[in-house]
Amino acid sequence: MSSQARATTLQIDQILVNLNFWEFKQLEYWLTDHYSDCKIRELYDNWSEPYQKQWYAIEGAVTRELEMLIKLRYGDKDVKGRY
């Protein structure tokens, strides 16, 4: 397998979202129900107050549809596109 093909198969789409803990849990359950091949994880491993926002990463088979739904729900300033 060439290095380009290997890089393509190992690449994971990712969206960064700035959420508080309660929004994170809500989105985690919603993703499980509607986009089961996507997972959300905390970007930085630190404790914060439940209403304090921090960055989370949505990883997996991120479609344009999912990206647009996330942007509609949380706004452009709290969502960073595909990485």
PDB file of N, CA and C in Angstrom:
ATOM      1  N   MET A   1       0.850  -1.177   0.000  1.00  0.00           N
ATOM      2  CA  MET A   1       0.000   0.000   0.000  1.00  0.00           C
ATOM      3  C   MET A   1       0.895   1.240   0.000  1.00  0.00           C
ATOM      4  N   SER A   2       0.618   2.171  -0.874  1.00  0.00           N
ATOM      5  CA  SER A   2       1.438   3.382  -0.936  1.00  0.00           C
ATOM      6  C   SER A   2       1.174   4.264   0.273  1.00  0.00           C
ATOM      7  N   SER A   3       2.112   5.191   0.534  1.00  0.00           N
ATOM      8  CA  SER A   3       1.951   6.073   1.699  1.00  0.00           C
ATOM      9  C   SER A   3       0.735   6.975   1.544  1.00  0.00           C
ATOM     10  N   GLN A   4       0.423   7.378   0.308  1.00  0.00           N
ATOM     11  CA  GLN A   4      -0.756   8.225   0.093  1.00  0.00           C
ATOM     12  C   GLN A   4      -2.032   7.449   0.392  1.00  0.00           C
ATOM     13  N   ALA A   5      -2.122   6.210  -0.053  1.00  0.00           N
ATOM     14  CA  ALA A   5      -3.308   5.395   0.217  1.00  0.00           C
ATOM     15  C   ALA A   5      -3.433   5.123   1.710  1.00  0.00           C
ATOM     16  N   ARG A   6      -2.305   4.853   2.377  1.00  0.00           N
ATOM     17  CA  ARG A   6      -2.330   4.592   3.815  1.00  0.00           C
ATOM     18  C   ARG A   6      -2.811   5.836   4.568  1.00  0.00           C
ATOM     19  N   ALA A   7      -2.352   7.007   4.169  1.00  0.00           N
ATOM     20  CA  ALA A   7      -2.773   8.243   4.825  1.00  0.00           C
ATOM     21  C   ALA A   7      -4.267   8.470   4.626  1.00  0.00           C
ATOM     22  N   THR A   8      -4.784   8.125   3.461  1.00  0.00           N
ATOM     23  CA  THR A   8      -6.205   8.309   3.186  1.00  0.00           C
ATOM     24  C   THR A   8      -7.053   7.386   4.059  1.00  0.00           C
ATOM     25  N   THR A   9      -6.624   6.142   4.221  1.00  0.00           N
ATOM     26  CA  THR A   9      -7.420   5.206   5.013  1.00  0.00           C
ATOM     27  C   THR A   9      -7.334   5.508   6.498  1.00  0.00           C
ATOM     28  N   LEU A  10      -6.242   6.128   6.953  1.00  0.00           N
ATOM     29  CA  LEU A  10      -6.097   6.439   8.368  1.00  0.00           C
ATOM     30  C   LEU A  10      -6.698   7.791   8.740  1.00  0.00           C
ATOM     31  N   GLN A  11      -7.040   8.586   7.749  1.00  0.00           N
ATOM     32  CA  GLN A  11      -7.562   9.919   8.008  1.00  0.00           C
ATOM     33  C   GLN A  11      -8.941   9.837   8.657  1.00  0.00           C
ATOM     34  N   ILE A  12      -9.153  10.619   9.698  1.00  0.00           N
ATOM     35  CA  ILE A  12     -10.447  10.697  10.379  1.00  0.00           C
ATOM     36  C   ILE A  12     -10.954  12.123  10.257  1.00  0.00           C
ATOM     37  N   ASP A  13     -12.180  12.250   9.779  1.00  0.00           N
ATOM     38  CA  ASP A  13     -12.791  13.581   9.748  1.00  0.00           C
ATOM     39  C   ASP A  13     -13.086  14.016  11.166  1.00  0.00           C
ATOM     40  N   GLN A  14     -12.943  15.298  11.410  1.00  0.00           N
ATOM     41  CA  GLN A  14     -13.133  15.813  12.767  1.00  0.00           C
ATOM     42  C   GLN A  14     -13.705  17.225  12.712  1.00  0.00           C
ATOM     43  N   ILE A  15     -14.650  17.498  13.581  1.00  0.00           N
ATOM     44  CA  ILE A  15     -15.198  18.841  13.769  1.00  0.00           C
ATOM     45  C   ILE A  15     -14.950  19.212  15.225  1.00  0.00           C
ATOM     46  N   LEU A  16     -14.529  20.442  15.465  1.00  0.00           N
ATOM     47  CA  LEU A  16     -14.351  20.928  16.827  1.00  0.00           C
ATOM     48  C   LEU A  16     -15.554  21.777  17.206  1.00  0.00           C
ATOM     49  N   VAL A  17     -16.073  21.533  18.413  1.00  0.00           N
ATOM     50  CA  VAL A  17     -17.269  22.236  18.881  1.00  0.00           C
ATOM     51  C   VAL A  17     -17.016  22.749  20.299  1.00  0.00           C
ATOM     52  N   ASN A  18     -17.386  23.994  20.551  1.00  0.00           N
ATOM     53  CA  ASN A  18     -17.219  24.622  21.864  1.00  0.00           C
ATOM     54  C   ASN A  18     -18.541  24.513  22.623  1.00  0.00           C
ATOM     55  N   LEU A  19     -18.587  23.614  23.630  1.00  0.00           N
ATOM     56  CA  LEU A  19     -19.827  23.317  24.344  1.00  0.00           C
ATOM     57  C   LEU A  19     -19.604  23.307  25.845  1.00  0.00           C
ATOM     58  N   ASN A  20     -20.695  23.469  26.596  1.00  0.00           N
ATOM     59  CA  ASN A  20     -20.592  23.198  28.028  1.00  0.00           C
ATOM     60  C   ASN A  20     -20.913  21.712  28.246  1.00  0.00           C
ATOM     61  N   PHE A  21     -20.759  21.255  29.484  1.00  0.00           N
ATOM     62  CA  PHE A  21     -20.918  19.830  29.775  1.00  0.00           C
ATOM     63  C   PHE A  21     -22.295  19.305  29.402  1.00  0.00           C
ATOM     64  N   TRP A  22     -23.341  20.065  29.677  1.00  0.00           N
ATOM     65  CA  TRP A  22     -24.703  19.597  29.414  1.00  0.00           C
ATOM     66  C   TRP A  22     -24.979  19.507  27.920  1.00  0.00           C
ATOM     67  N   GLU A  23     -24.475  20.474  27.152  1.00  0.00           N
ATOM     68  CA  GLU A  23     -24.605  20.414  25.689  1.00  0.00           C
ATOM     69  C   GLU A  23     -23.833  19.208  25.136  1.00  0.00           C
ATOM     70  N   PHE A  24     -22.651  18.969  25.711  1.00  0.00           N
ATOM     71  CA  PHE A  24     -21.846  17.815  25.306  1.00  0.00           C
ATOM     72  C   PHE A  24     -22.609  16.512  25.501  1.00  0.00           C
ATOM     73  N   LYS A  25     -23.212  16.312  26.685  1.00  0.00           N
ATOM     74  CA  LYS A  25     -23.947  15.075  26.959  1.00  0.00           C
ATOM     75  C   LYS A  25     -25.146  14.926  26.014  1.00  0.00           C
ATOM     76  N   GLN A  26     -25.845  16.029  25.778  1.00  0.00           N
ATOM     77  CA  GLN A  26     -26.991  16.013  24.871  1.00  0.00           C
ATOM     78  C   GLN A  26     -26.561  15.611  23.458  1.00  0.00           C
ATOM     79  N   LEU A  27     -25.467  16.201  22.990  1.00  0.00           N
ATOM     80  CA  LEU A  27     -24.962  15.887  21.654  1.00  0.00           C
ATOM     81  C   LEU A  27     -24.425  14.465  21.590  1.00  0.00           C
ATOM     82  N   GLU A  28     -23.812  13.998  22.650  1.00  0.00           N
ATOM     83  CA  GLU A  28     -23.302  12.624  22.700  1.00  0.00           C
ATOM     84  C   GLU A  28     -24.438  11.613  22.483  1.00  0.00           C
ATOM     85  N   TYR A  29     -25.549  11.788  23.180  1.00  0.00           N
ATOM     86  CA  TYR A  29     -26.705  10.886  23.023  1.00  0.00           C
ATOM     87  C   TYR A  29     -27.327  11.015  21.637  1.00  0.00           C
ATOM     88  N   TRP A  30     -27.410  12.243  21.122  1.00  0.00           N
ATOM     89  CA  TRP A  30     -27.988  12.466  19.801  1.00  0.00           C
ATOM     90  C   TRP A  30     -27.134  11.793  18.724  1.00  0.00           C
ATOM     91  N   LEU A  31     -25.817  11.932  18.827  1.00  0.00           N
ATOM     92  CA  LEU A  31     -24.927  11.280  17.859  1.00  0.00           C
ATOM     93  C   LEU A  31     -25.073   9.762  17.905  1.00  0.00           C
ATOM     94  N   THR A  32     -25.199   9.204  19.098  1.00  0.00           N
ATOM     95  CA  THR A  32     -25.374   7.755  19.243  1.00  0.00           C
ATOM     96  C   THR A  32     -26.636   7.286  18.522  1.00  0.00           C
ATOM     97  N   ASP A  33     -27.704   8.067  18.619  1.00  0.00           N
ATOM     98  CA  ASP A  33     -28.976   7.698  17.985  1.00  0.00           C
ATOM     99  C   ASP A  33     -28.990   7.914  16.471  1.00  0.00           C
ATOM    100  N   HIS A  34     -28.358   8.998  15.993  1.00  0.00           N
ATOM    101  CA  HIS A  34     -28.500   9.394  14.595  1.00  0.00           C
ATOM    102  C   HIS A  34     -27.252   9.201  13.743  1.00  0.00           C
ATOM    103  N   TYR A  35     -26.083   9.270  14.318  1.00  0.00           N
ATOM    104  CA  TYR A  35     -24.815   9.114  13.600  1.00  0.00           C
ATOM    105  C   TYR A  35     -23.920   8.184  14.416  1.00  0.00           C
ATOM    106  N   SER A  36     -24.265   6.909  14.442  1.00  0.00           N
ATOM    107  CA  SER A  36     -23.598   5.956  15.330  1.00  0.00           C
ATOM    108  C   SER A  36     -22.125   5.740  14.995  1.00  0.00           C
ATOM    109  N   ASP A  37     -21.689   6.082  13.786  1.00  0.00           N
ATOM    110  CA  ASP A  37     -20.280   5.930  13.445  1.00  0.00           C
ATOM    111  C   ASP A  37     -19.464   7.176  13.785  1.00  0.00           C
ATOM    112  N   CYS A  38     -20.064   8.136  14.481  1.00  0.00           N
ATOM    113  CA  CYS A  38     -19.360   9.324  14.967  1.00  0.00           C
ATOM    114  C   CYS A  38     -19.328   9.305  16.499  1.00  0.00           C
ATOM    115  N   LYS A  39     -18.237   9.737  17.043  1.00  0.00           N
ATOM    116  CA  LYS A  39     -18.074   9.828  18.499  1.00  0.00           C
ATOM    117  C   LYS A  39     -17.637  11.237  18.860  1.00  0.00           C
ATOM    118  N   ILE A  40     -17.944  11.652  20.076  1.00  0.00           N
ATOM    119  CA  ILE A  40     -17.511  12.954  20.559  1.00  0.00           C
ATOM    120  C   ILE A  40     -16.614  12.729  21.774  1.00  0.00           C
ATOM    121  N   ARG A  41     -15.532  13.499  21.839  1.00  0.00           N
ATOM    122  CA  ARG A  41     -14.612  13.368  22.971  1.00  0.00           C
ATOM    123  C   ARG A  41     -14.134  14.749  23.395  1.00  0.00           C
ATOM    124  N   GLU A  42     -13.712  14.827  24.644  1.00  0.00           N
ATOM    125  CA  GLU A  42     -13.168  16.060  25.191  1.00  0.00           C
ATOM    126  C   GLU A  42     -11.796  16.300  24.571  1.00  0.00           C
ATOM    127  N   LEU A  43     -11.550  17.508  24.077  1.00  0.00           N
ATOM    128  CA  LEU A  43     -10.289  17.803  23.412  1.00  0.00           C
ATOM    129  C   LEU A  43      -9.144  17.926  24.416  1.00  0.00           C
ATOM    130  N   TYR A  44      -9.405  18.559  25.540  1.00  0.00           N
ATOM    131  CA  TYR A  44      -8.394  18.718  26.596  1.00  0.00           C
ATOM    132  C   TYR A  44      -8.897  18.008  27.841  1.00  0.00           C
ATOM    133  N   ASP A  45      -8.018  17.291  28.493  1.00  0.00           N
ATOM    134  CA  ASP A  45      -8.399  16.532  29.681  1.00  0.00           C
ATOM    135  C   ASP A  45      -8.252  17.410  30.923  1.00  0.00           C
ATOM    136  N   ASN A  46      -9.236  18.253  31.143  1.00  0.00           N
ATOM    137  CA  ASN A  46      -9.218  19.112  32.332  1.00  0.00           C
ATOM    138  C   ASN A  46     -10.642  19.265  32.865  1.00  0.00           C
ATOM    139  N   TRP A  47     -10.752  19.489  34.151  1.00  0.00           N
ATOM    140  CA  TRP A  47     -12.056  19.645  34.778  1.00  0.00           C
ATOM    141  C   TRP A  47     -12.478  21.103  34.697  1.00  0.00           C
ATOM    142  N   SER A  48     -13.761  21.325  34.430  1.00  0.00           N
ATOM    143  CA  SER A  48     -14.305  22.684  34.437  1.00  0.00           C
ATOM    144  C   SER A  48     -15.729  22.627  34.979  1.00  0.00           C
ATOM    145  N   GLU A  49     -16.242  23.778  35.315  1.00  0.00           N
ATOM    146  CA  GLU A  49     -17.626  23.884  35.776  1.00  0.00           C
ATOM    147  C   GLU A  49     -18.568  23.398  34.672  1.00  0.00           C
ATOM    148  N   PRO A  50     -19.706  22.799  35.031  1.00  0.00           N
ATOM    149  CA  PRO A  50     -20.624  22.258  34.012  1.00  0.00           C
ATOM    150  C   PRO A  50     -21.105  23.281  32.988  1.00  0.00           C
ATOM    151  N   TYR A  51     -21.201  24.556  33.361  1.00  0.00           N
ATOM    152  CA  TYR A  51     -21.689  25.563  32.412  1.00  0.00           C
ATOM    153  C   TYR A  51     -20.566  26.318  31.717  1.00  0.00           C
ATOM    154  N   GLN A  52     -19.322  25.987  32.026  1.00  0.00           N
ATOM    155  CA  GLN A  52     -18.179  26.603  31.351  1.00  0.00           C
ATOM    156  C   GLN A  52     -17.926  25.858  30.043  1.00  0.00           C
ATOM    157  N   LYS A  53     -17.758  26.605  28.956  1.00  0.00           N
ATOM    158  CA  LYS A  53     -17.558  25.974  27.655  1.00  0.00           C
ATOM    159  C   LYS A  53     -16.118  25.515  27.486  1.00  0.00           C
ATOM    160  N   GLN A  54     -15.963  24.404  26.783  1.00  0.00           N
ATOM    161  CA  GLN A  54     -14.649  23.921  26.389  1.00  0.00           C
ATOM    162  C   GLN A  54     -14.782  23.186  25.059  1.00  0.00           C
ATOM    163  N   TRP A  55     -13.651  22.890  24.424  1.00  0.00           N
ATOM    164  CA  TRP A  55     -13.651  22.304  23.091  1.00  0.00           C
ATOM    165  C   TRP A  55     -13.784  20.789  23.142  1.00  0.00           C
ATOM    166  N   TYR A  56     -14.636  20.276  22.244  1.00  0.00           N
ATOM    167  CA  TYR A  56     -14.833  18.844  22.058  1.00  0.00           C
ATOM    168  C   TYR A  56     -14.617  18.528  20.587  1.00  0.00           C
ATOM    169  N   ALA A  57     -14.223  17.295  20.296  1.00  0.00           N
ATOM    170  CA  ALA A  57     -14.005  16.861  18.917  1.00  0.00           C
ATOM    171  C   ALA A  57     -15.038  15.794  18.554  1.00  0.00           C
ATOM    172  N   ILE A  58     -15.725  16.012  17.433  1.00  0.00           N
ATOM    173  CA  ILE A  58     -16.602  14.983  16.864  1.00  0.00           C
ATOM    174  C   ILE A  58     -15.768  14.292  15.799  1.00  0.00           C
ATOM    175  N   GLU A  59     -15.582  12.977  15.956  1.00  0.00           N
ATOM    176  CA  GLU A  59     -14.712  12.228  15.058  1.00  0.00           C
ATOM    177  C   GLU A  59     -15.466  11.066  14.438  1.00  0.00           C
ATOM    178  N   GLY A  60     -15.002  10.658  13.269  1.00  0.00           N
ATOM    179  CA  GLY A  60     -15.604   9.523  12.581  1.00  0.00           C
ATOM    180  C   GLY A  60     -16.017   9.916  11.179  1.00  0.00           C
ATOM    181  N   ALA A  61     -17.061   9.302  10.692  1.00  0.00           N
ATOM    182  CA  ALA A  61     -17.570   9.574   9.344  1.00  0.00           C
ATOM    183  C   ALA A  61     -18.440  10.830   9.389  1.00  0.00           C
ATOM    184  N   VAL A  62     -17.784  11.974   9.440  1.00  0.00           N
ATOM    185  CA  VAL A  62     -18.495  13.253   9.541  1.00  0.00           C
ATOM    186  C   VAL A  62     -18.941  13.680   8.146  1.00  0.00           C
ATOM    187  N   THR A  63     -20.237  13.739   7.936  1.00  0.00           N
ATOM    188  CA  THR A  63     -20.779  14.149   6.634  1.00  0.00           C
ATOM    189  C   THR A  63     -20.994  15.659   6.618  1.00  0.00           C
ATOM    190  N   ARG A  64     -21.161  16.187   5.412  1.00  0.00           N
ATOM    191  CA  ARG A  64     -21.483  17.621   5.285  1.00  0.00           C
ATOM    192  C   ARG A  64     -22.810  17.928   5.982  1.00  0.00           C
ATOM    193  N   GLU A  65     -23.764  17.001   5.878  1.00  0.00           N
ATOM    194  CA  GLU A  65     -25.057  17.182   6.524  1.00  0.00           C
ATOM    195  C   GLU A  65     -24.897  17.339   8.041  1.00  0.00           C
ATOM    196  N   LEU A  66     -24.098  16.467   8.647  1.00  0.00           N
ATOM    197  CA  LEU A  66     -23.856  16.559  10.086  1.00  0.00           C
ATOM    198  C   LEU A  66     -23.162  17.863  10.435  1.00  0.00           C
ATOM    199  N   GLU A  67     -22.166  18.241   9.644  1.00  0.00           N
ATOM    200  CA  GLU A  67     -21.445  19.496   9.890  1.00  0.00           C
ATOM    201  C   GLU A  67     -22.400  20.691   9.858  1.00  0.00           C
ATOM    202  N   MET A  68     -23.303  20.721   8.886  1.00  0.00           N
ATOM    203  CA  MET A  68     -24.262  21.823   8.777  1.00  0.00           C
ATOM    204  C   MET A  68     -25.259  21.814   9.931  1.00  0.00           C
ATOM    205  N   LEU A  69     -25.727  20.635  10.346  1.00  0.00           N
ATOM    206  CA  LEU A  69     -26.643  20.547  11.489  1.00  0.00           C
ATOM    207  C   LEU A  69     -25.982  21.070  12.764  1.00  0.00           C
ATOM    208  N   ILE A  70     -24.724  20.721  12.970  1.00  0.00           N
ATOM    209  CA  ILE A  70     -23.988  21.188  14.146  1.00  0.00           C
ATOM    210  C   ILE A  70     -23.819  22.703  14.098  1.00  0.00           C
ATOM    211  N   LYS A  71     -23.481  23.233  12.910  1.00  0.00           N
ATOM    212  CA  LYS A  71     -23.327  24.687  12.771  1.00  0.00           C
ATOM    213  C   LYS A  71     -24.646  25.416  12.991  1.00  0.00           C
ATOM    214  N   LEU A  72     -25.741  24.852  12.504  1.00  0.00           N
ATOM    215  CA  LEU A  72     -27.055  25.468  12.723  1.00  0.00           C
ATOM    216  C   LEU A  72     -27.416  25.481  14.202  1.00  0.00           C
ATOM    217  N   ARG A  73     -27.105  24.409  14.893  1.00  0.00           N
ATOM    218  CA  ARG A  73     -27.470  24.281  16.306  1.00  0.00           C
ATOM    219  C   ARG A  73     -26.600  25.138  17.219  1.00  0.00           C
ATOM    220  N   TYR A  74     -25.285  25.156  16.968  1.00  0.00           N
ATOM    221  CA  TYR A  74     -24.364  25.802  17.912  1.00  0.00           C
ATOM    222  C   TYR A  74     -23.737  27.082  17.385  1.00  0.00           C
ATOM    223  N   GLY A  75     -23.953  27.429  16.132  1.00  0.00           N
ATOM    224  CA  GLY A  75     -23.443  28.672  15.576  1.00  0.00           C
ATOM    225  C   GLY A  75     -22.018  28.547  15.048  1.00  0.00           C
ATOM    226  N   ASP A  76     -21.687  29.431  14.130  1.00  0.00           N
ATOM    227  CA  ASP A  76     -20.373  29.395  13.471  1.00  0.00           C
ATOM    228  C   ASP A  76     -19.219  29.668  14.437  1.00  0.00           C
ATOM    229  N   LYS A  77     -19.415  30.547  15.395  1.00  0.00           N
ATOM    230  CA  LYS A  77     -18.296  30.912  16.280  1.00  0.00           C
ATOM    231  C   LYS A  77     -17.902  29.783  17.220  1.00  0.00           C
ATOM    232  N   ASP A  78     -18.797  28.833  17.467  1.00  0.00           N
ATOM    233  CA  ASP A  78     -18.501  27.718  18.362  1.00  0.00           C
ATOM    234  C   ASP A  78     -18.189  26.422  17.626  1.00  0.00           C
ATOM    235  N   VAL A  79     -18.083  26.489  16.298  1.00  0.00           N
ATOM    236  CA  VAL A  79     -17.802  25.292  15.518  1.00  0.00           C
ATOM    237  C   VAL A  79     -16.643  25.569  14.567  1.00  0.00           C
ATOM    238  N   LYS A  80     -15.643  24.712  14.606  1.00  0.00           N
ATOM    239  CA  LYS A  80     -14.532  24.780  13.658  1.00  0.00           C
ATOM    240  C   LYS A  80     -14.715  23.623  12.691  1.00  0.00           C
ATOM    241  N   GLY A  81     -14.553  23.893  11.392  1.00  0.00           N
ATOM    242  CA  GLY A  81     -14.830  22.905  10.353  1.00  0.00           C
ATOM    243  C   GLY A  81     -13.955  21.676  10.392  1.00  0.00           C
ATOM    244  N   ARG A  82     -13.949  20.952   9.294  1.00  0.00           N
ATOM    245  CA  ARG A  82     -13.240  19.675   9.192  1.00  0.00           C
ATOM    246  C   ARG A  82     -11.744  19.853   9.340  1.00  0.00           C
ATOM    247  N   TYR A  83     -11.123  18.874   9.985  1.00  0.00           N
ATOM    248  CA  TYR A  83      -9.670  18.861  10.162  1.00  0.00           C
ATOM    249  C   TYR A  83      -9.133  17.520   9.782  1.00  0.00           C
TER     250      TYR A  83
END
